[in-house]
Amino acid sequence: MRARDLLADFPTVGLDSPVIDAARLLADQDLPGLIVVGDDGTPVTILPGTEVLRLAVPAYCQDDPALARVVDEAHADAFLHGLDGRTVREALPGRRRELPLTDPDATVLELAALMARTRSPLVAVVGDDRRLIGAVTLQALVDRLLAP
């Protein structure tokens, strides 16, 4: 079994896409993250949903979870409006991480090792021209590994 056999079309966003649109895409399609592509269509990074949350949740709540408990639901919803006008570029982690990127011939074990090493729930699969062909998700990989 190779990456090409587990490949799925996967939504992408650009660096300058509104982060609120990325958040909606993550939620509407129940995605673990998004592939961020540059202007030339090549993958730049993987944007985990947790990084979008990092922008939406106030730092004081991240630093002290007890403070998050005192914010009622009506006010918590208002934090999402803080994403308005912000871009995907702003949601990216400050420190660059290894891009979970592979070719269509990668084996299941290679995919699993790449996901584990990069702590990414998805791997971007690219062709010889480095353009995105699709992605392999953690779910697809686990389903394959557990299949009889």
C-alpha atoms as a PDB file:
ATOM      1  CA  MET A   1       0.000   0.000   0.000  1.00  0.00           C
ATOM      2  CA  ARG A   2       1.367   3.386  -1.043  1.00  0.00           C
ATOM      3  CA  ALA A   3       0.411   7.016  -0.444  1.00  0.00           C
ATOM      4  CA  ARG A   4      -1.286   7.101  -3.862  1.00  0.00           C
ATOM      5  CA  ASP A   5      -3.684   4.382  -2.628  1.00  0.00           C
ATOM      6  CA  LEU A   6      -4.741   6.429   0.409  1.00  0.00           C
ATOM      7  CA  LEU A   7      -4.802   9.765  -1.379  1.00  0.00           C
ATOM      8  CA  ALA A   8      -7.796  12.060  -0.951  1.00  0.00           C
ATOM      9  CA  ASP A   9      -8.580  15.482  -2.348  1.00  0.00           C
ATOM     10  CA  PHE A  10      -8.031  17.941   0.432  1.00  0.00           C
ATOM     11  CA  PRO A  11      -8.961  21.605   0.758  1.00  0.00           C
ATOM     12  CA  THR A  12      -6.208  24.180   0.737  1.00  0.00           C
ATOM     13  CA  VAL A  13      -5.916  27.782   1.796  1.00  0.00           C
ATOM     14  CA  GLY A  14      -3.459  30.484   0.816  1.00  0.00           C
ATOM     15  CA  LEU A  15      -1.239  32.415   3.196  1.00  0.00           C
ATOM     16  CA  ASP A  16      -3.337  35.538   2.783  1.00  0.00           C
ATOM     17  CA  SER A  17      -6.723  33.785   3.057  1.00  0.00           C
ATOM     18  CA  PRO A  18      -8.914  35.051   5.888  1.00  0.00           C
ATOM     19  CA  VAL A  19      -8.347  32.879   8.940  1.00  0.00           C
ATOM     20  CA  ILE A  20     -12.063  32.978   9.743  1.00  0.00           C
ATOM     21  CA  ASP A  21     -12.694  31.209   6.407  1.00  0.00           C
ATOM     22  CA  ALA A  22     -10.076  28.609   7.342  1.00  0.00           C
ATOM     23  CA  ALA A  23     -11.794  28.117  10.712  1.00  0.00           C
ATOM     24  CA  ARG A  24     -15.159  27.627   8.995  1.00  0.00           C
ATOM     25  CA  LEU A  25     -13.643  25.138   6.560  1.00  0.00           C
ATOM     26  CA  LEU A  26     -12.086  23.200   9.436  1.00  0.00           C
ATOM     27  CA  ALA A  27     -15.389  23.099  11.313  1.00  0.00           C
ATOM     28  CA  ASP A  28     -17.750  22.524   8.383  1.00  0.00           C
ATOM     29  CA  GLN A  29     -15.747  19.590   7.025  1.00  0.00           C
ATOM     30  CA  ASP A  30     -14.522  18.297  10.395  1.00  0.00           C
ATOM     31  CA  LEU A  31     -10.889  18.518   9.284  1.00  0.00           C
ATOM     32  CA  PRO A  32      -7.824  18.019  11.491  1.00  0.00           C
ATOM     33  CA  GLY A  33      -5.983  20.786   9.678  1.00  0.00           C
ATOM     34  CA  LEU A  34      -5.503  22.466   6.334  1.00  0.00           C
ATOM     35  CA  ILE A  35      -2.762  22.483   3.755  1.00  0.00           C
ATOM     36  CA  VAL A  36      -1.481  26.001   3.168  1.00  0.00           C
ATOM     37  CA  VAL A  37      -0.214  26.617  -0.342  1.00  0.00           C
ATOM     38  CA  GLY A  38       1.864  29.412  -1.810  1.00  0.00           C
ATOM     39  CA  ASP A  39       0.955  31.437  -4.874  1.00  0.00           C
ATOM     40  CA  ASP A  40       2.521  28.772  -7.094  1.00  0.00           C
ATOM     41  CA  GLY A  41       0.299  26.017  -5.642  1.00  0.00           C
ATOM     42  CA  THR A  42       3.055  24.242  -3.727  1.00  0.00           C
ATOM     43  CA  PRO A  43       2.488  23.332  -0.073  1.00  0.00           C
ATOM     44  CA  VAL A  44       4.030  25.752   2.402  1.00  0.00           C
ATOM     45  CA  THR A  45       2.877  24.209   5.674  1.00  0.00           C
ATOM     46  CA  ILE A  46       0.117  22.361   7.445  1.00  0.00           C
ATOM     47  CA  LEU A  47      -2.178  24.529   9.574  1.00  0.00           C
ATOM     48  CA  PRO A  48      -3.542  22.441  12.449  1.00  0.00           C
ATOM     49  CA  GLY A  49      -6.927  23.470  13.793  1.00  0.00           C
ATOM     50  CA  THR A  50      -5.277  24.072  17.158  1.00  0.00           C
ATOM     51  CA  GLU A  51      -3.308  26.988  15.705  1.00  0.00           C
ATOM     52  CA  VAL A  52      -6.531  28.668  14.600  1.00  0.00           C
ATOM     53  CA  LEU A  53      -7.856  28.188  18.132  1.00  0.00           C
ATOM     54  CA  ARG A  54      -4.684  29.756  19.491  1.00  0.00           C
ATOM     55  CA  LEU A  55      -5.636  32.971  17.702  1.00  0.00           C
ATOM     56  CA  ALA A  56      -9.249  32.884  18.879  1.00  0.00           C
ATOM     57  CA  VAL A  57      -8.676  32.058  22.549  1.00  0.00           C
ATOM     58  CA  PRO A  58      -7.293  34.920  24.637  1.00  0.00           C
ATOM     59  CA  ALA A  59      -3.752  34.366  25.898  1.00  0.00           C
ATOM     60  CA  TYR A  60      -4.842  34.741  29.527  1.00  0.00           C
ATOM     61  CA  CYS A  61      -7.205  31.753  29.104  1.00  0.00           C
ATOM     62  CA  GLN A  62      -4.438  29.713  27.484  1.00  0.00           C
ATOM     63  CA  ASP A  63      -2.061  30.566  30.311  1.00  0.00           C
ATOM     64  CA  ASP A  64      -4.571  29.951  33.103  1.00  0.00           C
ATOM     65  CA  PRO A  65      -7.420  27.553  32.256  1.00  0.00           C
ATOM     66  CA  ALA A  66      -9.197  28.526  35.480  1.00  0.00           C
ATOM     67  CA  LEU A  67      -9.861  31.946  33.943  1.00  0.00           C
ATOM     68  CA  ALA A  68     -11.531  30.300  30.950  1.00  0.00           C
ATOM     69  CA  ARG A  69     -14.041  28.698  33.303  1.00  0.00           C
ATOM     70  CA  VAL A  70     -15.418  32.066  34.419  1.00  0.00           C
ATOM     71  CA  VAL A  71     -16.232  33.231  30.867  1.00  0.00           C
ATOM     72  CA  ASP A  72     -19.832  32.381  29.968  1.00  0.00           C
ATOM     73  CA  GLU A  73     -20.768  30.884  26.593  1.00  0.00           C
ATOM     74  CA  ALA A  74     -22.233  34.108  25.198  1.00  0.00           C
ATOM     75  CA  HIS A  75     -18.972  35.946  25.758  1.00  0.00           C
ATOM     76  CA  ALA A  76     -16.844  33.007  24.622  1.00  0.00           C
ATOM     77  CA  ASP A  77     -18.516  33.150  21.191  1.00  0.00           C
ATOM     78  CA  ALA A  78     -17.365  36.756  20.862  1.00  0.00           C
ATOM     79  CA  PHE A  79     -13.737  35.621  20.854  1.00  0.00           C
ATOM     80  CA  LEU A  80     -14.220  34.091  17.410  1.00  0.00           C
ATOM     81  CA  HIS A  81     -15.032  37.532  16.065  1.00  0.00           C
ATOM     82  CA  GLY A  82     -11.466  38.463  16.975  1.00  0.00           C
ATOM     83  CA  LEU A  83     -10.400  36.434  13.941  1.00  0.00           C
ATOM     84  CA  ASP A  84     -12.068  38.917  11.573  1.00  0.00           C
ATOM     85  CA  GLY A  85      -9.517  40.657   9.394  1.00  0.00           C
ATOM     86  CA  ARG A  86      -6.708  38.231  10.278  1.00  0.00           C
ATOM     87  CA  THR A  87      -4.970  35.976   7.779  1.00  0.00           C
ATOM     88  CA  VAL A  88      -3.829  32.382   7.736  1.00  0.00           C
ATOM     89  CA  ARG A  89      -0.258  33.706   7.765  1.00  0.00           C
ATOM     90  CA  GLU A  90      -0.936  35.139  11.243  1.00  0.00           C
ATOM     91  CA  ALA A  91      -2.203  31.773  12.491  1.00  0.00           C
ATOM     92  CA  LEU A  92       0.986  29.936  11.582  1.00  0.00           C
ATOM     93  CA  PRO A  93       3.295  28.969  14.425  1.00  0.00           C
ATOM     94  CA  GLY A  94       6.222  31.339  14.903  1.00  0.00           C
ATOM     95  CA  ARG A  95       8.735  28.546  14.622  1.00  0.00           C
ATOM     96  CA  ARG A  96       8.857  26.690  11.309  1.00  0.00           C
ATOM     97  CA  ARG A  97       8.420  22.952  11.576  1.00  0.00           C
ATOM     98  CA  GLU A  98       9.251  20.176   9.163  1.00  0.00           C
ATOM     99  CA  LEU A  99       6.656  20.072   6.415  1.00  0.00           C
ATOM    100  CA  PRO A 100       4.970  16.659   6.282  1.00  0.00           C
ATOM    101  CA  LEU A 101       5.432  16.199   2.569  1.00  0.00           C
ATOM    102  CA  THR A 102       5.955  13.055   0.529  1.00  0.00           C
ATOM    103  CA  ASP A 103       5.606  11.538  -2.912  1.00  0.00           C
ATOM    104  CA  PRO A 104       2.911   9.120  -4.113  1.00  0.00           C
ATOM    105  CA  ASP A 105       5.233   6.115  -3.699  1.00  0.00           C
ATOM    106  CA  ALA A 106       5.666   6.498   0.081  1.00  0.00           C
ATOM    107  CA  THR A 107       4.773   3.360   2.020  1.00  0.00           C
ATOM    108  CA  VAL A 108       2.289   3.201   4.890  1.00  0.00           C
ATOM    109  CA  LEU A 109       5.174   2.932   7.351  1.00  0.00           C
ATOM    110  CA  GLU A 110       6.884   5.970   5.818  1.00  0.00           C
ATOM    111  CA  LEU A 111       3.628   7.922   6.132  1.00  0.00           C
ATOM    112  CA  ALA A 112       3.162   6.851   9.752  1.00  0.00           C
ATOM    113  CA  ALA A 113       6.750   7.770  10.614  1.00  0.00           C
ATOM    114  CA  LEU A 114       6.381  11.188   8.953  1.00  0.00           C
ATOM    115  CA  MET A 115       3.132  11.917  10.808  1.00  0.00           C
ATOM    116  CA  ALA A 116       4.652  10.831  14.113  1.00  0.00           C
ATOM    117  CA  ARG A 117       7.871  12.799  13.608  1.00  0.00           C
ATOM    118  CA  THR A 118       6.113  16.005  12.507  1.00  0.00           C
ATOM    119  CA  ARG A 119       3.130  15.564  14.847  1.00  0.00           C
ATOM    120  CA  SER A 120       0.856  16.230  11.913  1.00  0.00           C
ATOM    121  CA  PRO A 121      -2.571  14.651  11.341  1.00  0.00           C
ATOM    122  CA  LEU A 122      -2.049  14.862   7.586  1.00  0.00           C
ATOM    123  CA  VAL A 123       0.644  14.541   4.978  1.00  0.00           C
ATOM    124  CA  ALA A 124       0.702  16.518   1.749  1.00  0.00           C
ATOM    125  CA  VAL A 125       1.440  14.358  -1.287  1.00  0.00           C
ATOM    126  CA  VAL A 126       3.142  16.115  -4.184  1.00  0.00           C
ATOM    127  CA  GLY A 127       4.151  15.193  -7.703  1.00  0.00           C
ATOM    128  CA  ASP A 128       7.516  15.672  -9.383  1.00  0.00           C
ATOM    129  CA  ASP A 129       6.705  19.356  -9.911  1.00  0.00           C
ATOM    130  CA  ARG A 130       6.154  19.764  -6.115  1.00  0.00           C
ATOM    131  CA  ARG A 131       2.513  20.652  -6.729  1.00  0.00           C
ATOM    132  CA  LEU A 132      -0.098  19.191  -4.411  1.00  0.00           C
ATOM    133  CA  ILE A 133      -1.793  16.015  -5.620  1.00  0.00           C
ATOM    134  CA  GLY A 134      -3.774  15.376  -2.438  1.00  0.00           C
ATOM    135  CA  ALA A 135      -3.302  14.360   1.172  1.00  0.00           C
ATOM    136  CA  VAL A 136      -3.236  11.325   3.391  1.00  0.00           C
ATOM    137  CA  THR A 137      -5.023  11.843   6.702  1.00  0.00           C
ATOM    138  CA  LEU A 138      -4.292  10.174  10.001  1.00  0.00           C
ATOM    139  CA  GLN A 139      -7.782   8.666   9.865  1.00  0.00           C
ATOM    140  CA  ALA A 140      -7.147   7.032   6.475  1.00  0.00           C
ATOM    141  CA  LEU A 141      -3.800   5.733   7.678  1.00  0.00           C
ATOM    142  CA  VAL A 142      -5.189   4.283  10.914  1.00  0.00           C
ATOM    143  CA  ASP A 143      -8.123   2.726   9.051  1.00  0.00           C
ATOM    144  CA  ARG A 144      -5.625   1.030   6.710  1.00  0.00           C
ATOM    145  CA  LEU A 145      -3.377  -0.138   9.520  1.00  0.00           C
ATOM    146  CA  LEU A 146      -6.307  -1.631  11.458  1.00  0.00           C
ATOM    147  CA  ALA A 147      -7.957  -3.238   8.438  1.00  0.00           C
ATOM    148  CA  PRO A 148      -8.013  -7.059   8.592  1.00  0.00           C
END
